[in-house]
Amino acid sequence: MTPPPITFPSSDFTDFDRFDALSKSSYERLRKSMRAKSSNEEDLGAALADTSRALERERRLAGFDPYQKILGNEWMPIYLNAKLRQFSVGNEGLSRNEKSVLKALGEDTSPGSNLIDDRVATELYDLLYAYGAWQTLGVIPLEGKTNKFAVLTGRPAAVFLLTEAGAMSDDATSTALQVTGDAEFIGAMLHISEQLLADAKTELTSAFLSHFEQAFNRRIEEAAFNGNGVADATNGGMTGIFQHADVPIVNAAAGNTTVQLLDRDDLVNTIAACDPPVLQRRPRWWIHPALLPPLMKVNDSSGYPVLQTQQEAGGDSVFSLLGFPLTITAGAPSTNGVSSKVIAFGDGRAMALGIRRQFALEASKHHRWNTLQRSFRGIGRARAEMRKGTGFAILRTAAV
């Protein structure tokens, strides 16, 4: 049984002792499930879901939750609800409080532009970053359509200057290259019932932003992690980490045809396949959530699980694999079978991920005019471009 996709908070939780009793209990249940030989994937999936809920609660309590930040803002929920409702019921249908907020923020309440204030776009970017696994890559703010990403192929030699006459060595080893890519448009549509828009008591802010956050993140992550380079609506002409020809592929030992059959040496060999300098940086693993329960069944030679929870390993990640943090992303491949790419390791900065902070949020009174719905769309721009393929390595299950 394949467990449902599970998402984890991306904010760091470095002090486990401060978690409440319920969160600690959830972690303990997860730990016991990982170590129980009788646990199946359904048991592990349930324990993961329980831990995920506990971590979301800790996020809110610690003030990490951007949704709570937005809802706690004195003007944002009122403003966004007013703008969404204004497109449906007009100014006469707005409450006095909604009109006051629009006026206070310098917006004319007369009919006009179908654009939603770009201050909302700033909040949307914060949501994308907080919940997107792409934050672990080499994120670069984009200012235009075509962008050049610097690639350093060598390192200058540093020397001690013991006297005033001491001279620095001339750099004869490093050269700078550039990879260039166009930031592609990403668009998503949302249709909201007229009945909901007409109801002044309906809170639409979190649902509206959540829709675009999840849609944009899914598209960005699929391109950055598993894009196949095809110029279509799914891949945008981008080649992701798991598909890039320059990324070394490590084949698991014979017989290790699924994730749960992998052994410690398979994972160690994957680490070794990267350029050695990667280990001096802040490398990590990336895996699809559906492959996490099978990975929990992988043990070392002493029978101890290679995957540890934060409670056991410490650090700033929910899970640790062989001492390195593990990031869960729906953009990674999810197939658990023979000759399947199942997990990546490396330095995220080897993949440049350019994303514009500006998003256009617009409404239409004409699309779906023959239904009792209003249409909203969000448009952004992003680009994933490999800087150095050997900054990563991919583990592939055995063919037989």
Protein backbone atom coordinates (compact mmCIF):
# COMPACT_ATOMS: atom_id res chain seq x y z
CA MET A 1 0.00 0.00 0.00
CA THR A 2 1.41 3.39 -0.99
CA PRO A 3 0.86 5.99 1.75
CA PRO A 4 -0.63 9.36 0.88
CA PRO A 5 1.82 12.20 0.16
CA ILE A 6 3.16 13.68 3.38
CA THR A 7 4.57 17.17 3.68
CA PHE A 8 6.85 18.41 6.42
CA PRO A 9 7.53 21.91 7.69
CA SER A 10 10.71 23.36 6.25
CA SER A 11 11.56 25.63 9.18
CA ASP A 12 14.40 24.42 11.37
CA PHE A 13 13.54 22.76 14.66
CA THR A 14 16.87 22.58 16.42
CA ASP A 15 15.67 22.23 20.03
CA PHE A 16 13.63 19.06 20.31
CA ASP A 17 13.44 19.36 24.11
CA ARG A 18 11.11 22.34 23.73
CA PHE A 19 8.48 20.30 21.88
CA ASP A 20 5.33 19.57 23.84
CA ALA A 21 4.44 16.11 25.17
CA LEU A 22 2.13 15.31 22.25
CA SER A 23 4.83 16.06 19.66
CA LYS A 24 7.40 14.01 21.55
CA SER A 25 4.92 11.15 21.74
CA SER A 26 4.40 11.33 17.96
CA TYR A 27 8.14 11.17 17.36
CA GLU A 28 8.45 8.22 19.74
CA ARG A 29 5.70 6.36 17.89
CA LEU A 30 7.49 7.03 14.60
CA ARG A 31 10.79 5.84 16.05
CA LYS A 32 9.25 2.60 17.33
CA SER A 33 7.49 2.00 14.01
CA MET A 34 10.78 2.42 12.15
CA ARG A 35 12.43 -0.18 14.36
CA ALA A 36 9.62 -2.71 14.62
CA LYS A 37 10.22 -5.58 12.20
CA SER A 38 6.49 -6.21 12.10
CA SER A 39 5.68 -2.69 10.83
CA ASN A 40 4.25 -2.50 7.35
CA GLU A 41 4.04 0.54 5.08
CA GLU A 42 0.54 1.33 6.33
CA ASP A 43 1.81 1.50 9.94
CA LEU A 44 4.76 3.66 8.91
CA GLY A 45 2.52 5.94 6.84
CA ALA A 46 0.17 6.46 9.80
CA ALA A 47 3.09 7.27 12.10
CA LEU A 48 4.47 9.72 9.54
CA ALA A 49 1.13 11.46 9.17
CA ASP A 50 0.83 11.77 12.95
CA THR A 51 4.32 13.27 13.19
CA SER A 52 3.59 15.66 10.33
CA ARG A 53 0.53 17.00 12.14
CA ALA A 54 2.54 17.41 15.34
CA LEU A 55 5.24 19.37 13.53
CA GLU A 56 2.69 21.67 11.90
CA ARG A 57 1.34 22.40 15.37
CA GLU A 58 4.86 23.14 16.64
CA ARG A 59 5.37 25.46 13.69
CA ARG A 60 2.28 27.44 14.61
CA LEU A 61 3.23 27.60 18.28
CA ALA A 62 6.75 28.77 17.41
CA GLY A 63 5.50 31.42 15.01
CA PHE A 64 6.98 29.73 11.93
CA ASP A 65 3.71 29.22 10.09
CA PRO A 66 3.40 31.83 7.31
CA TYR A 67 -0.33 31.16 6.99
CA GLN A 68 -0.80 32.12 10.63
CA LYS A 69 1.34 35.18 10.02
CA ILE A 70 -0.95 36.24 7.18
CA LEU A 71 -4.16 35.52 9.07
CA GLY A 72 -2.78 37.36 12.09
CA ASN A 73 -2.06 40.45 10.02
CA GLU A 74 -4.59 43.16 10.82
CA TRP A 75 -5.26 44.08 7.19
CA MET A 76 -4.30 41.18 4.90
CA PRO A 77 -7.32 38.84 5.44
CA ILE A 78 -9.78 41.75 5.25
CA TYR A 79 -8.03 43.20 2.20
CA LEU A 80 -7.85 39.96 0.21
CA ASN A 81 -11.40 38.94 1.10
CA ALA A 82 -12.59 42.41 0.04
CA LYS A 83 -10.73 42.23 -3.29
CA LEU A 84 -12.03 38.74 -4.06
CA ARG A 85 -15.60 39.71 -3.16
CA GLN A 86 -15.37 43.02 -4.99
CA PHE A 87 -14.99 41.22 -8.30
CA SER A 88 -18.25 39.42 -7.64
CA VAL A 89 -20.60 41.61 -5.60
CA GLY A 90 -19.18 45.01 -6.51
CA ASN A 91 -18.42 47.82 -4.08
CA GLU A 92 -22.01 47.97 -2.85
CA GLY A 93 -21.69 44.43 -1.54
CA LEU A 94 -18.62 45.18 0.59
CA SER A 95 -18.84 45.77 4.30
CA ARG A 96 -17.90 49.12 5.81
CA ASN A 97 -14.78 47.55 7.30
CA GLU A 98 -13.71 46.15 3.93
CA LYS A 99 -14.17 49.52 2.23
CA SER A 100 -12.18 51.21 5.01
CA VAL A 101 -9.25 48.80 4.60
CA LEU A 102 -9.17 49.28 0.84
CA LYS A 103 -9.23 53.05 1.26
CA ALA A 104 -6.58 53.02 3.99
CA LEU A 105 -4.27 51.03 1.74
CA GLY A 106 -4.64 53.60 -1.00
CA GLU A 107 -6.93 51.58 -3.25
CA ASP A 108 -9.79 53.15 -5.12
CA THR A 109 -13.02 51.30 -4.42
CA SER A 110 -14.47 52.25 -7.79
CA PRO A 111 -14.61 49.53 -10.45
CA GLY A 112 -11.43 49.25 -12.48
CA SER A 113 -8.33 47.08 -12.55
CA ASN A 114 -8.65 43.34 -12.26
CA LEU A 115 -5.21 43.09 -10.62
CA ILE A 116 -4.88 42.12 -6.97
CA ASP A 117 -2.39 44.29 -5.07
CA ASP A 118 1.21 43.09 -5.44
CA ARG A 119 1.61 43.18 -1.66
CA VAL A 120 -0.23 39.88 -1.72
CA ALA A 121 2.42 38.56 -4.12
CA THR A 122 5.05 39.15 -1.44
CA GLU A 123 3.10 36.96 0.97
CA LEU A 124 2.72 34.33 -1.74
CA TYR A 125 6.48 34.20 -2.28
CA ASP A 126 7.02 33.72 1.46
CA LEU A 127 4.57 30.81 1.39
CA LEU A 128 6.30 29.27 -1.63
CA TYR A 129 9.69 29.49 0.05
CA ALA A 130 8.51 28.16 3.40
CA TYR A 131 6.77 25.11 1.94
CA GLY A 132 8.90 24.44 -1.14
CA ALA A 133 11.71 21.88 -1.17
CA TRP A 134 13.35 24.05 -3.84
CA GLN A 135 14.59 26.30 -1.04
CA THR A 136 17.35 23.69 -0.51
CA LEU A 137 18.73 24.42 -4.01
CA GLY A 138 20.78 27.38 -5.22
CA VAL A 139 17.97 29.95 -5.08
CA ILE A 140 18.62 33.18 -6.99
CA PRO A 141 16.15 36.11 -7.20
CA LEU A 142 15.42 36.92 -10.84
CA GLU A 143 14.99 40.42 -12.17
CA GLY A 144 14.41 39.74 -15.86
CA LYS A 145 13.44 37.13 -18.41
CA THR A 146 16.89 35.96 -19.52
CA ASN A 147 19.39 35.25 -16.78
CA LYS A 148 22.99 34.13 -16.56
CA PHE A 149 24.07 31.88 -13.70
CA ALA A 150 27.77 31.92 -12.79
CA VAL A 151 29.67 28.60 -12.65
CA LEU A 152 33.13 28.51 -11.05
CA THR A 153 35.17 25.62 -12.42
CA GLY A 154 38.16 26.03 -10.14
CA ARG A 155 39.34 27.64 -6.94
CA PRO A 156 42.02 30.36 -6.61
CA ALA A 157 45.03 29.58 -4.44
CA ALA A 158 45.25 31.54 -1.18
CA VAL A 159 48.66 32.18 0.44
CA PHE A 160 49.91 33.73 3.69
CA LEU A 161 51.39 37.22 3.22
CA LEU A 162 54.13 37.26 5.85
CA THR A 163 55.80 40.47 4.68
CA GLU A 164 54.72 43.65 2.96
CA ALA A 165 56.49 42.44 -0.16
CA GLY A 166 54.63 39.15 -0.15
CA ALA A 167 52.61 38.60 -3.31
CA MET A 168 49.46 36.65 -3.98
CA SER A 169 49.75 33.84 -6.50
CA ASP A 170 48.34 34.56 -9.93
CA ASP A 171 45.16 32.59 -10.54
CA ALA A 172 45.96 30.15 -13.34
CA THR A 173 43.47 27.44 -12.41
CA SER A 174 39.99 28.86 -12.13
CA THR A 175 37.83 30.09 -14.95
CA ALA A 176 34.31 31.35 -14.79
CA LEU A 177 31.60 29.93 -17.02
CA GLN A 178 27.97 30.90 -17.37
CA VAL A 179 24.81 28.98 -18.00
CA THR A 180 21.96 30.96 -19.47
CA GLY A 181 18.27 30.28 -19.30
CA ASP A 182 14.98 32.06 -19.85
CA ALA A 183 12.66 32.33 -16.89
CA GLU A 184 9.51 30.58 -18.01
CA PHE A 185 5.99 31.65 -17.09
CA ILE A 186 4.06 29.46 -14.67
CA GLY A 187 0.29 29.89 -14.52
CA ALA A 188 -2.47 28.42 -12.39
CA MET A 189 -6.24 28.96 -12.39
CA LEU A 190 -8.70 28.97 -9.49
CA HIS A 191 -12.50 29.10 -9.71
CA ILE A 192 -14.47 30.25 -6.66
CA SER A 193 -18.20 29.86 -6.19
CA GLU A 194 -20.24 33.05 -6.37
CA GLN A 195 -22.07 31.91 -3.25
CA LEU A 196 -18.84 31.85 -1.27
CA LEU A 197 -17.80 35.24 -2.60
CA ALA A 198 -21.16 36.75 -1.71
CA ASP A 199 -20.97 35.50 1.88
CA ALA A 200 -19.15 38.13 3.90
CA LYS A 201 -18.55 35.61 6.70
CA THR A 202 -16.54 33.26 4.48
CA GLU A 203 -12.78 33.51 5.06
CA LEU A 204 -11.05 33.02 1.70
CA THR A 205 -7.51 34.24 2.33
CA SER A 206 -5.74 31.03 3.36
CA ALA A 207 -7.55 28.86 0.80
CA PHE A 208 -6.83 31.35 -2.02
CA LEU A 209 -3.12 31.61 -1.27
CA SER A 210 -2.80 27.90 -0.48
CA HIS A 211 -4.14 27.00 -3.92
CA PHE A 212 -1.47 28.98 -5.73
CA GLU A 213 1.28 28.05 -3.27
CA GLN A 214 0.71 24.34 -3.82
CA ALA A 215 0.27 24.70 -7.59
CA PHE A 216 3.41 26.79 -8.11
CA ASN A 217 5.53 24.67 -5.77
CA ARG A 218 4.52 21.44 -7.47
CA ARG A 219 5.41 22.77 -10.91
CA ILE A 220 8.72 24.33 -9.81
CA GLU A 221 9.82 21.22 -7.95
CA GLU A 222 8.92 18.80 -10.74
CA ALA A 223 11.00 20.88 -13.15
CA ALA A 224 13.96 21.33 -10.79
CA PHE A 225 14.12 17.74 -9.55
CA ASN A 226 12.67 15.59 -12.32
CA GLY A 227 12.20 17.74 -15.45
CA ASN A 228 13.07 15.84 -18.63
CA GLY A 229 14.07 18.85 -20.71
CA VAL A 230 11.02 18.77 -23.00
CA ALA A 231 9.59 22.19 -23.81
CA ASP A 232 6.04 21.43 -22.72
CA ALA A 233 3.57 22.51 -20.01
CA THR A 234 4.98 19.98 -17.53
CA ASN A 235 8.73 20.47 -17.87
CA GLY A 236 9.13 23.95 -19.33
CA GLY A 237 12.25 22.88 -21.23
CA MET A 238 14.12 22.35 -17.93
CA THR A 239 16.16 19.29 -16.97
CA GLY A 240 16.02 18.35 -13.31
CA ILE A 241 18.56 16.73 -11.02
CA PHE A 242 17.20 13.19 -11.44
CA GLN A 243 17.22 13.44 -15.26
CA HIS A 244 20.37 15.43 -16.00
CA ALA A 245 22.99 13.61 -18.07
CA ASP A 246 25.89 15.11 -16.09
CA VAL A 247 24.74 13.70 -12.74
CA PRO A 248 26.50 10.42 -11.83
CA ILE A 249 24.22 7.40 -11.38
CA VAL A 250 25.04 4.71 -8.84
CA ASN A 251 23.50 1.28 -9.37
CA ALA A 252 22.48 -0.61 -6.27
CA ALA A 253 23.99 -4.04 -5.63
CA ALA A 254 22.44 -7.04 -7.37
CA GLY A 255 19.17 -8.06 -5.74
CA ASN A 256 18.49 -4.62 -4.32
CA THR A 257 15.60 -4.01 -6.70
CA THR A 258 13.41 -1.84 -4.43
CA VAL A 259 14.02 0.85 -1.83
CA GLN A 260 13.36 -1.48 1.11
CA LEU A 261 15.97 -3.92 -0.26
CA LEU A 262 18.74 -1.31 -0.46
CA ASP A 263 21.67 -1.62 1.92
CA ARG A 264 23.98 0.83 3.61
CA ASP A 265 26.73 0.36 1.02
CA ASP A 266 24.38 1.50 -1.75
CA LEU A 267 23.87 4.78 0.06
CA VAL A 268 27.55 5.21 0.92
CA ASN A 269 28.49 4.60 -2.73
CA THR A 270 26.05 7.35 -3.72
CA ILE A 271 27.77 9.81 -1.41
CA ALA A 272 31.16 8.79 -2.80
CA ALA A 273 30.03 9.41 -6.40
CA CYS A 274 29.81 13.18 -5.86
CA ASP A 275 32.78 15.50 -6.19
CA PRO A 276 34.70 15.31 -2.88
CA PRO A 277 34.33 19.08 -2.17
CA VAL A 278 30.56 18.49 -1.88
CA LEU A 279 31.16 16.89 1.53
CA GLN A 280 32.81 20.10 2.76
CA ARG A 281 29.65 22.07 2.11
CA ARG A 282 26.12 21.37 3.32
CA PRO A 283 25.00 18.32 1.31
CA ARG A 284 21.71 16.55 1.80
CA TRP A 285 19.41 13.88 0.38
CA TRP A 286 16.16 14.31 -1.59
CA ILE A 287 13.42 11.69 -1.89
CA HIS A 288 9.73 11.41 -2.80
CA PRO A 289 7.38 11.05 0.22
CA ALA A 290 5.98 7.76 -1.11
CA LEU A 291 9.46 6.23 -0.86
CA LEU A 292 10.05 7.30 2.74
CA PRO A 293 8.27 4.36 4.45
CA PRO A 294 10.23 1.77 2.38
CA LEU A 295 13.47 3.63 3.22
CA MET A 296 12.65 3.23 6.92
CA LYS A 297 13.07 -0.52 6.50
CA VAL A 298 16.71 -0.23 5.39
CA ASN A 299 19.12 -1.31 8.15
CA ASP A 300 22.87 -1.35 8.53
CA SER A 301 24.89 -4.51 9.20
CA SER A 302 23.99 -4.42 12.90
CA GLY A 303 20.26 -4.21 12.15
CA TYR A 304 19.97 -0.55 13.08
CA PRO A 305 17.93 1.68 10.71
CA VAL A 306 20.05 3.97 8.55
CA LEU A 307 17.31 6.63 8.71
CA GLN A 308 17.05 8.58 11.94
CA THR A 309 14.52 11.07 13.21
CA GLN A 310 15.55 14.49 14.47
CA GLN A 311 14.92 13.27 18.01
CA GLU A 312 17.75 10.77 17.57
CA ALA A 313 20.15 12.62 15.31
CA GLY A 314 19.58 16.23 16.33
CA GLY A 315 20.31 18.86 13.68
CA ASP A 316 17.90 20.99 11.71
CA SER A 317 16.02 18.44 9.62
CA VAL A 318 13.06 16.17 10.32
CA PHE A 319 15.07 13.15 9.12
CA SER A 320 18.75 12.34 8.87
CA LEU A 321 20.23 9.67 6.59
CA LEU A 322 23.80 8.57 7.35
CA GLY A 323 24.37 11.86 9.12
CA PHE A 324 23.05 14.10 6.34
CA PRO A 325 19.65 15.85 6.34
CA LEU A 326 16.88 14.37 4.19
CA THR A 327 14.42 16.57 2.30
CA ILE A 328 11.07 15.23 1.12
CA THR A 329 9.81 16.56 -2.21
CA ALA A 330 6.92 15.56 -4.44
CA GLY A 331 9.07 16.63 -7.38
CA ALA A 332 11.31 13.58 -7.06
CA PRO A 333 10.51 10.27 -8.83
CA SER A 334 8.10 8.03 -6.92
CA THR A 335 8.50 4.64 -8.64
CA ASN A 336 9.69 1.88 -6.31
CA GLY A 337 10.79 -0.90 -8.63
CA VAL A 338 13.65 -2.30 -10.68
CA SER A 339 16.07 0.16 -12.32
CA SER A 340 14.33 3.14 -10.68
CA LYS A 341 16.02 6.37 -9.64
CA VAL A 342 14.96 6.65 -6.02
CA ILE A 343 17.10 9.14 -4.10
CA ALA A 344 19.55 11.97 -4.79
CA PHE A 345 22.47 13.27 -2.75
CA GLY A 346 24.54 16.40 -3.16
CA ASP A 347 25.02 20.12 -2.72
CA GLY A 348 21.80 21.94 -3.63
CA ARG A 349 23.73 24.98 -4.85
CA ALA A 350 24.93 22.94 -7.84
CA MET A 351 21.43 23.44 -9.28
CA ALA A 352 20.55 27.10 -9.82
CA LEU A 353 16.90 27.86 -9.19
CA GLY A 354 15.94 31.33 -10.29
CA ILE A 355 12.54 32.59 -9.22
CA ARG A 356 10.94 36.00 -9.45
CA ARG A 357 9.46 37.41 -6.28
CA GLN A 358 6.79 39.19 -8.29
CA PHE A 359 3.59 37.28 -9.02
CA ALA A 360 0.61 38.60 -10.93
CA LEU A 361 -2.74 37.74 -9.35
CA GLU A 362 -5.72 38.65 -11.53
CA ALA A 363 -9.47 38.15 -11.70
CA SER A 364 -11.83 37.72 -14.64
CA LYS A 365 -15.56 38.44 -14.86
CA HIS A 366 -15.83 36.76 -18.24
CA HIS A 367 -14.19 33.35 -17.99
CA ARG A 368 -16.83 30.77 -17.01
CA TRP A 369 -19.49 33.47 -17.40
CA ASN A 370 -22.13 30.76 -17.95
CA THR A 371 -21.50 29.32 -14.46
CA LEU A 372 -21.91 30.67 -10.94
CA GLN A 373 -18.15 30.99 -10.54
CA ARG A 374 -15.49 33.66 -10.67
CA SER A 375 -12.07 32.89 -12.13
CA PHE A 376 -8.72 33.94 -10.68
CA ARG A 377 -5.27 33.27 -12.05
CA GLY A 378 -1.75 33.51 -10.75
CA ILE A 379 1.31 33.99 -12.96
CA GLY A 380 4.95 33.78 -11.95
CA ARG A 381 8.33 33.03 -13.48
CA ALA A 382 11.06 30.52 -12.61
CA ARG A 383 14.05 28.76 -14.13
CA ALA A 384 16.04 25.70 -13.06
CA GLU A 385 19.51 25.33 -14.59
CA MET A 386 22.24 22.84 -13.68
CA ARG A 387 25.50 24.45 -12.65
CA LYS A 388 27.57 21.33 -12.05
CA GLY A 389 26.16 17.83 -12.45
CA THR A 390 28.86 16.16 -10.35
CA GLY A 391 27.62 18.18 -7.40
CA PHE A 392 24.95 15.48 -7.15
CA ALA A 393 24.66 11.69 -7.41
CA ILE A 394 21.59 9.51 -8.00
CA LEU A 395 20.97 6.04 -6.56
CA ARG A 396 19.18 3.64 -8.90
CA THR A 397 17.77 0.30 -7.80
CA ALA A 398 19.21 -2.87 -9.32
CA ALA A 399 17.83 -4.31 -12.54
CA VAL A 400 17.84 -7.85 -11.11
